[in-house]
Amino acid sequence: MAKILILGASYGSLLASKLLFAGHEVKLVCLPAEADLINAEGFRVRMPVRGRAQPVEIDSRKLPGKVSAGGTGDVSPADYDLVGLAMQEPQYRSPGVRELLAAVAKSRVPCMSIMNMPPLPYLRRIPGLDANALKAAYTDASVWDDFDPALLTLCSPDPQAIRPPEEKVNVLQVTLPTNFKVARFNNAKYTDLLRSLERDVDAVRFAAPEGPIELPVKLRVSDSIFVPLAKWSMLLAGNYRCITANGMRTAQEAVHTDIAESKSVYDFVYDVCLRLGAHPEDLVPFEKYAAAAQSLTRPASAARALQNGATNIERADKLVQLVARQLGLRHPVIDRGVDLVDTRLHANRELAAKK
C-alpha cells in the first residue's frame, strides 16, 4: 500500500478514486469546507462508461483504500510515498499553499504534477530548452526554485471533469473519460512506483448490478518525457481559443467554427513538440482531437475563470509561445490569443483594484 498526498481535491479526487480501489491511502489538501465535507461524507465521482446508458457513481466510502482531507498546515510531505500536484498553477503562490509546496520540495518525495501548466523544473528535463527564459509565463516562478527536476514528473490531465454547480463540492462529474498519461521519472525506483500504480488502476473493476465492469480513465506510464506535452496542441487549438474579446465559447465551437485555423494552430504546436525531441507516437493527431472536441460542450476552465473576473489564470498559451520563440517560430493566431488574454487579465485586475 502506498501513501499518496494530493494537493487539490477537485481534479485530484478523480485520480484518488482510482487509487482507492487498489487499497492505497490518499490525503487530499483543500479548502476547509471541502475538507470537512470529504471527511464527513467522502466524495463521489460520476463517470460515463461505454455501453451503459447511465454513468456509474463511485463512492469513496465504499472503496478499499482510505481517504482523508485537510488544509495546507495539516500534513507533513515526508510521510508520503508520492505527492500529486492537482491545483491550478496560480494557486501555488497562495499563502499556506506556497509554504506547503516548499515543504514538498524539501522532503525530496517524488512529485507527479497533474496540471495543464508544467512546473518549471519539469521543463529543465528537456534537453536544449532554456527554462529560465520561460518564467514570464508563470504567476510566480519562484515557488518552483527548490525542486529537483529528477524528483518531478508530469502527468497530462487529459480526462475532463467538472464540479456540477447544483451539487455539493464533493461531487465530480467526468465529461471526457480519457487516460492520465505520465512520463517516467529520471529515477528508476520512482518510475517503478508509477508502474505499480498503473497496474493497480488497470485491475480496477466496479461492482455494477450486471456484474463487475472495467472503468475508463487509466494511468499510462511512458518512457518518453514528451508524452504529456501532447496536451499543448489541444490547449492552444481548443481551450485558449474558447476565450473571445467579448466573452467565451465552448471548446467544440472553438475547434469546429474554423476547422482550418484550428488545424493550423494544432499542427504548429505539434511541430514545436517534435523539434523539442518528441516522436509522432508521443503525440495525438489532430483528427483524433477534433473528434473528441465534438463532445466538449462547455467553455474551458481558463475561459470561465476570465469571465468570472480572475486576475490570474494558467498561461500555457504564453508558455508555448515562449518555447516556440526559442526555436525561432511564431504563429499569428497564437500571438493574437496571448495578447487577448493579457488584455482581459489587465481589465480584470483594474476592476478588482477598484473594489
Protein backbone atom coordinates (compact mmCIF):
# COMPACT_ATOMS: atom_id res chain seq x y z
CA MET A 1 0.00 0.00 0.00
CA ALA A 2 1.26 3.47 -0.93
CA LYS A 3 0.57 6.73 0.90
CA ILE A 4 -0.21 9.48 -1.56
CA LEU A 5 -0.66 13.19 -0.89
CA ILE A 6 -2.68 15.16 -3.48
CA LEU A 7 -2.80 18.96 -3.47
CA GLY A 8 -6.22 19.84 -4.89
CA ALA A 9 -9.42 17.93 -4.16
CA SER A 10 -11.42 18.76 -7.29
CA TYR A 11 -9.49 17.18 -10.14
CA GLY A 12 -7.42 15.30 -7.56
CA SER A 13 -10.43 13.25 -6.47
CA LEU A 14 -10.63 11.63 -9.91
CA LEU A 15 -7.12 10.19 -9.58
CA ALA A 16 -7.77 9.45 -5.91
CA SER A 17 -10.83 7.38 -6.76
CA LYS A 18 -8.72 5.10 -8.97
CA LEU A 19 -6.04 4.68 -6.28
CA LEU A 20 -8.55 3.95 -3.51
CA PHE A 21 -9.89 1.00 -5.49
CA ALA A 22 -6.46 -0.60 -5.07
CA GLY A 23 -6.36 -0.03 -1.32
CA HIS A 24 -3.93 2.88 -1.26
CA GLU A 25 -4.17 5.69 1.29
CA VAL A 26 -4.84 9.17 -0.09
CA LYS A 27 -4.74 12.54 1.67
CA LEU A 28 -6.37 15.46 -0.16
CA VAL A 29 -5.32 19.05 0.59
CA CYS A 30 -8.14 21.50 0.00
CA LEU A 31 -10.21 24.34 1.45
CA PRO A 32 -11.70 23.86 4.94
CA ALA A 33 -15.30 23.49 3.73
CA GLU A 34 -14.23 20.85 1.21
CA ALA A 35 -12.10 19.01 3.77
CA ASP A 36 -14.92 18.91 6.33
CA LEU A 37 -17.38 17.56 3.75
CA ILE A 38 -14.97 14.90 2.44
CA ASN A 39 -14.07 13.78 5.96
CA ALA A 40 -17.77 13.53 6.86
CA GLU A 41 -19.24 12.13 3.63
CA GLY A 42 -16.35 11.07 1.40
CA PHE A 43 -16.53 12.11 -2.26
CA ARG A 44 -18.42 10.95 -5.36
CA VAL A 45 -17.10 10.61 -8.90
CA ARG A 46 -19.63 10.09 -11.69
CA MET A 47 -18.18 8.55 -14.79
CA PRO A 48 -19.65 7.57 -18.17
CA VAL A 49 -18.92 4.00 -19.27
CA ARG A 50 -19.22 2.89 -22.87
CA GLY A 51 -22.27 0.69 -23.40
CA ARG A 52 -24.14 1.93 -20.33
CA ALA A 53 -27.00 4.42 -20.52
CA GLN A 54 -26.25 5.87 -17.08
CA PRO A 55 -22.87 6.82 -15.60
CA VAL A 56 -21.50 4.87 -12.66
CA GLU A 57 -21.14 6.68 -9.35
CA ILE A 58 -18.03 5.89 -7.36
CA ASP A 59 -18.49 6.47 -3.63
CA SER A 60 -15.14 6.81 -1.85
CA ARG A 61 -16.65 5.42 1.35
CA LYS A 62 -17.23 2.07 -0.35
CA LEU A 63 -13.68 1.65 -1.65
CA PRO A 64 -10.93 -0.46 -0.01
CA GLY A 65 -8.49 2.44 0.39
CA LYS A 66 -8.61 5.20 2.95
CA VAL A 67 -9.17 8.87 2.10
CA SER A 68 -8.94 11.92 4.33
CA ALA A 69 -8.74 15.64 3.70
CA GLY A 70 -7.17 18.62 5.40
CA GLY A 71 -5.69 22.08 4.99
CA THR A 72 -2.19 23.10 4.00
CA GLY A 73 -0.99 23.07 7.62
CA ASP A 74 -2.31 19.59 8.39
CA VAL A 75 0.25 17.48 6.53
CA SER A 76 3.93 16.54 6.56
CA PRO A 77 5.01 15.70 2.98
CA ALA A 78 7.84 13.47 4.19
CA ASP A 79 5.22 10.98 5.46
CA TYR A 80 4.17 10.11 1.90
CA ASP A 81 5.49 7.98 -0.95
CA LEU A 82 4.24 10.26 -3.74
CA VAL A 83 2.85 13.79 -3.98
CA GLY A 84 0.31 14.74 -6.66
CA LEU A 85 0.06 18.40 -7.70
CA ALA A 86 -3.52 18.91 -8.90
CA MET A 87 -4.16 22.61 -8.29
CA GLN A 88 -4.19 25.37 -10.88
CA GLU A 89 -0.74 26.94 -11.36
CA PRO A 90 -1.60 30.38 -9.86
CA GLN A 91 -2.75 28.73 -6.61
CA TYR A 92 0.75 27.60 -5.68
CA ARG A 93 1.78 31.10 -4.63
CA SER A 94 -1.20 31.43 -2.25
CA PRO A 95 -0.46 31.77 1.48
CA GLY A 96 -0.28 28.32 3.02
CA VAL A 97 0.00 26.54 -0.33
CA ARG A 98 3.33 28.22 -1.04
CA GLU A 99 4.75 27.04 2.30
CA LEU A 100 3.43 23.51 1.78
CA LEU A 101 4.97 23.40 -1.70
CA ALA A 102 8.31 24.44 -0.21
CA ALA A 103 7.99 21.62 2.33
CA VAL A 104 7.27 19.18 -0.52
CA ALA A 105 10.46 20.27 -2.30
CA LYS A 106 12.48 19.97 0.91
CA SER A 107 11.09 16.48 1.65
CA ARG A 108 12.51 15.11 -1.63
CA VAL A 109 9.42 12.93 -2.02
CA PRO A 110 8.77 12.28 -5.74
CA CYS A 111 6.08 14.53 -7.23
CA MET A 112 3.68 13.96 -10.10
CA SER A 113 2.15 17.13 -11.49
CA ILE A 114 -1.38 16.84 -12.91
CA MET A 115 -1.56 20.36 -14.30
CA ASN A 116 -2.03 21.77 -17.79
CA MET A 117 0.89 24.06 -16.94
CA PRO A 118 4.08 22.01 -16.45
CA PRO A 119 6.01 23.01 -13.32
CA LEU A 120 9.16 24.84 -14.36
CA PRO A 121 11.55 22.12 -13.03
CA TYR A 122 9.97 19.59 -15.38
CA LEU A 123 10.90 21.74 -18.37
CA ARG A 124 14.51 21.61 -17.17
CA ARG A 125 14.40 17.91 -18.06
CA ILE A 126 14.03 18.79 -21.76
CA PRO A 127 17.47 19.00 -23.42
CA GLY A 128 18.29 22.31 -25.05
CA LEU A 129 15.36 24.23 -23.57
CA ASP A 130 16.19 27.39 -21.60
CA ALA A 131 13.73 27.10 -18.71
CA ASN A 132 14.81 30.41 -17.18
CA ALA A 133 13.55 32.21 -20.28
CA LEU A 134 10.07 30.77 -19.68
CA LYS A 135 9.49 32.28 -16.24
CA ALA A 136 7.30 35.07 -17.63
CA ALA A 137 4.56 32.51 -18.32
CA TYR A 138 4.23 31.69 -14.61
CA THR A 139 2.26 33.59 -11.99
CA ASP A 140 5.25 33.26 -9.64
CA ALA A 141 8.03 31.07 -10.99
CA SER A 142 9.99 31.32 -7.72
CA VAL A 143 7.73 28.79 -5.97
CA TRP A 144 9.49 26.07 -8.03
CA ASP A 145 13.05 27.16 -7.22
CA ASP A 146 13.78 24.43 -4.65
CA PHE A 147 12.57 21.47 -6.69
CA ASP A 148 14.97 18.88 -8.09
CA PRO A 149 13.88 18.13 -11.69
CA ALA A 150 14.83 14.49 -11.14
CA LEU A 151 12.11 14.19 -8.49
CA LEU A 152 9.32 15.75 -10.53
CA THR A 153 7.34 14.30 -13.40
CA LEU A 154 4.36 15.43 -15.45
CA CYS A 155 1.01 13.73 -15.97
CA SER A 156 -1.12 15.04 -18.81
CA PRO A 157 -4.58 15.82 -17.39
CA ASP A 158 -6.45 14.57 -20.45
CA PRO A 159 -9.63 13.43 -18.68
CA GLN A 160 -12.17 16.26 -18.47
CA ALA A 161 -14.28 16.73 -15.34
CA ILE A 162 -16.44 19.39 -13.72
CA ARG A 163 -18.00 20.13 -10.37
CA PRO A 164 -21.76 20.24 -11.14
CA PRO A 165 -22.92 23.64 -9.81
CA GLU A 166 -26.11 22.20 -8.36
CA GLU A 167 -24.22 19.57 -6.31
CA LYS A 168 -22.12 19.67 -3.16
CA VAL A 169 -18.41 20.37 -3.63
CA ASN A 170 -17.52 16.71 -3.01
CA VAL A 171 -19.13 15.62 -6.31
CA LEU A 172 -17.12 15.38 -9.55
CA GLN A 173 -18.66 14.67 -12.96
CA VAL A 174 -16.32 13.20 -15.58
CA THR A 175 -17.23 14.54 -19.03
CA LEU A 176 -14.42 13.02 -21.10
CA PRO A 177 -13.07 9.75 -19.64
CA THR A 178 -9.65 9.57 -21.30
CA ASN A 179 -6.39 8.42 -19.70
CA PHE A 180 -3.84 10.13 -17.47
CA LYS A 181 -0.52 9.93 -19.36
CA VAL A 182 2.51 10.28 -17.11
CA ALA A 183 6.19 10.48 -18.04
CA ARG A 184 8.82 8.39 -16.27
CA PHE A 185 10.98 9.83 -13.51
CA ASN A 186 14.73 10.07 -14.02
CA ASN A 187 14.97 7.68 -11.04
CA ALA A 188 14.03 4.06 -11.86
CA LYS A 189 12.79 3.41 -8.30
CA TYR A 190 10.16 6.11 -8.57
CA THR A 191 9.20 5.06 -12.10
CA ASP A 192 8.63 1.56 -10.71
CA LEU A 193 6.19 3.09 -8.21
CA LEU A 194 4.26 4.68 -11.08
CA ARG A 195 4.18 1.40 -12.97
CA SER A 196 2.87 -0.36 -9.87
CA LEU A 197 0.07 2.20 -9.62
CA GLU A 198 -0.60 1.76 -13.34
CA ARG A 199 -1.13 -1.98 -12.83
CA ASP A 200 -3.36 -1.33 -9.82
CA VAL A 201 -5.59 1.02 -11.81
CA ASP A 202 -5.75 -1.47 -14.70
CA ALA A 203 -7.06 -4.10 -12.31
CA VAL A 204 -9.96 -1.95 -11.07
CA ARG A 205 -13.43 -3.42 -11.54
CA PHE A 206 -16.64 -1.68 -10.48
CA ALA A 207 -19.37 -3.74 -8.85
CA ALA A 208 -22.33 -2.87 -11.11
CA PRO A 209 -25.76 -4.60 -10.91
CA GLU A 210 -24.92 -6.50 -14.10
CA GLY A 211 -21.60 -7.67 -12.67
CA PRO A 212 -18.03 -6.32 -12.39
CA ILE A 213 -17.20 -3.82 -15.14
CA GLU A 214 -13.96 -2.23 -16.25
CA LEU A 215 -13.82 1.53 -15.76
CA PRO A 216 -12.25 4.10 -18.10
CA VAL A 217 -9.58 6.64 -17.07
CA LYS A 218 -6.39 4.62 -16.73
CA LEU A 219 -2.91 5.67 -15.66
CA ARG A 220 -0.45 5.22 -18.51
CA VAL A 221 3.28 5.48 -17.78
CA SER A 222 5.57 6.40 -20.67
CA ASP A 223 9.33 6.22 -21.11
CA SER A 224 9.14 9.44 -23.13
CA ILE A 225 9.26 12.75 -21.27
CA PHE A 226 7.38 14.32 -24.19
CA VAL A 227 4.13 12.34 -23.96
CA PRO A 228 2.45 14.79 -21.52
CA LEU A 229 3.26 17.65 -23.90
CA ALA A 230 0.68 16.21 -26.33
CA LYS A 231 -1.82 18.31 -24.36
CA TRP A 232 -0.18 21.54 -25.57
CA SER A 233 -1.69 21.29 -29.07
CA MET A 234 -5.12 20.68 -27.57
CA LEU A 235 -4.83 23.62 -25.19
CA LEU A 236 -3.76 26.08 -27.87
CA ALA A 237 -6.18 24.91 -30.57
CA GLY A 238 -9.12 24.45 -28.21
CA ASN A 239 -9.03 25.62 -24.60
CA TYR A 240 -7.48 29.06 -25.06
CA ARG A 241 -9.49 29.73 -28.21
CA CYS A 242 -12.64 29.48 -26.06
CA ILE A 243 -11.61 32.97 -24.91
CA THR A 244 -13.05 35.77 -27.02
CA ALA A 245 -12.84 39.55 -26.79
CA ASN A 246 -16.42 39.75 -25.54
CA GLY A 247 -16.76 36.57 -23.50
CA MET A 248 -16.33 32.89 -24.18
CA ARG A 249 -17.46 30.00 -26.35
CA THR A 250 -17.48 26.24 -25.96
CA ALA A 251 -14.44 24.13 -26.80
CA GLN A 252 -16.50 22.46 -29.52
CA GLU A 253 -17.13 25.88 -31.09
CA ALA A 254 -13.52 26.94 -30.65
CA VAL A 255 -12.28 23.93 -32.62
CA HIS A 256 -15.02 23.48 -35.22
CA THR A 257 -16.11 27.03 -36.08
CA ASP A 258 -12.96 27.41 -38.20
CA ILE A 259 -11.52 23.92 -38.52
CA ALA A 260 -8.71 25.02 -40.87
CA GLU A 261 -7.45 27.63 -38.39
CA SER A 262 -7.73 25.11 -35.55
CA LYS A 263 -5.68 22.58 -37.51
CA SER A 264 -3.08 25.22 -38.34
CA VAL A 265 -2.60 26.07 -34.65
CA TYR A 266 -2.67 22.42 -33.62
CA ASP A 267 -0.11 21.37 -36.23
CA PHE A 268 2.17 24.30 -35.33
CA VAL A 269 2.30 23.27 -31.66
CA TYR A 270 2.67 19.62 -32.71
CA ASP A 271 5.74 20.65 -34.74
CA VAL A 272 7.14 22.59 -31.76
CA CYS A 273 6.97 19.38 -29.70
CA LEU A 274 8.69 17.40 -32.47
CA ARG A 275 11.50 19.95 -32.60
CA LEU A 276 11.97 19.66 -28.84
CA GLY A 277 12.55 15.92 -29.28
CA ALA A 278 9.13 14.27 -29.25
CA HIS A 279 8.28 11.46 -31.68
CA PRO A 280 4.95 11.27 -33.55
CA GLU A 281 3.91 8.29 -31.41
CA ASP A 282 4.22 10.51 -28.31
CA LEU A 283 1.60 12.91 -29.64
CA VAL A 284 -2.06 12.86 -30.71
CA PRO A 285 -3.07 13.51 -34.34
CA PHE A 286 -5.41 16.44 -34.96
CA GLU A 287 -8.19 14.27 -36.34
CA LYS A 288 -8.46 12.32 -33.08
CA TYR A 289 -8.57 15.51 -31.03
CA ALA A 290 -11.11 17.16 -33.33
CA ALA A 291 -13.42 14.16 -32.96
CA ALA A 292 -13.14 14.29 -29.16
CA ALA A 293 -13.78 18.05 -29.20
CA GLN A 294 -17.25 17.44 -30.63
CA SER A 295 -18.32 16.38 -27.13
CA LEU A 296 -16.74 19.37 -25.32
CA THR A 297 -19.88 21.44 -24.93
CA ARG A 298 -18.61 23.78 -22.20
CA PRO A 299 -16.09 26.60 -22.32
CA ALA A 300 -12.65 25.64 -20.99
CA SER A 301 -11.80 26.44 -17.38
CA ALA A 302 -9.43 29.27 -18.39
CA ALA A 303 -12.25 30.99 -20.28
CA ARG A 304 -14.70 30.53 -17.41
CA ALA A 305 -12.16 31.92 -14.93
CA LEU A 306 -11.54 35.02 -17.05
CA GLN A 307 -15.28 35.54 -17.46
CA ASN A 308 -15.69 35.35 -13.69
CA GLY A 309 -13.09 38.07 -13.13
CA ALA A 310 -9.96 36.03 -12.38
CA THR A 311 -6.82 38.16 -12.09
CA ASN A 312 -4.51 35.19 -12.81
CA ILE A 313 -5.02 32.03 -14.85
CA GLU A 314 -2.71 29.28 -16.09
CA ARG A 315 -0.79 30.65 -19.07
CA ALA A 316 0.06 27.58 -21.11
CA ASP A 317 -0.68 29.80 -24.13
CA LYS A 318 2.18 32.14 -23.24
CA LEU A 319 4.43 29.20 -22.30
CA VAL A 320 4.06 27.59 -25.72
CA GLN A 321 4.59 30.97 -27.39
CA LEU A 322 7.87 31.45 -25.49
CA VAL A 323 9.02 27.88 -26.21
CA ALA A 324 8.31 28.40 -29.92
CA ARG A 325 10.28 31.66 -29.94
CA GLN A 326 13.31 29.81 -28.58
CA LEU A 327 13.05 27.69 -31.72
CA GLY A 328 12.66 30.76 -33.94
CA LEU A 329 8.98 30.05 -34.61
CA ARG A 330 5.81 32.16 -34.38
CA HIS A 331 2.14 31.69 -35.21
CA PRO A 332 -0.10 34.76 -35.69
CA VAL A 333 -3.18 33.15 -34.14
CA ILE A 334 -1.24 32.18 -31.02
CA ASP A 335 0.28 35.67 -30.77
CA ARG A 336 -3.18 37.26 -31.04
CA GLY A 337 -4.55 34.86 -28.46
CA VAL A 338 -1.80 35.64 -25.95
CA ASP A 339 -2.40 39.38 -26.44
CA LEU A 340 -6.13 38.86 -25.91
CA VAL A 341 -5.60 37.00 -22.64
CA ASP A 342 -3.14 39.68 -21.49
CA THR A 343 -5.74 42.35 -22.24
CA ARG A 344 -8.58 40.52 -20.47
CA LEU A 345 -6.43 39.86 -17.40
CA HIS A 346 -5.38 43.52 -17.28
CA ALA A 347 -9.04 44.57 -17.37
CA ASN A 348 -9.91 42.11 -14.59
CA ARG A 349 -7.05 43.40 -12.44
CA GLU A 350 -8.09 47.01 -12.92
CA LEU A 351 -11.67 46.12 -11.96
CA ALA A 352 -10.50 44.19 -8.88
CA ALA A 353 -8.35 47.14 -7.78
CA LYS A 354 -11.40 49.41 -7.78
CA LYS A 355 -13.39 47.16 -5.45
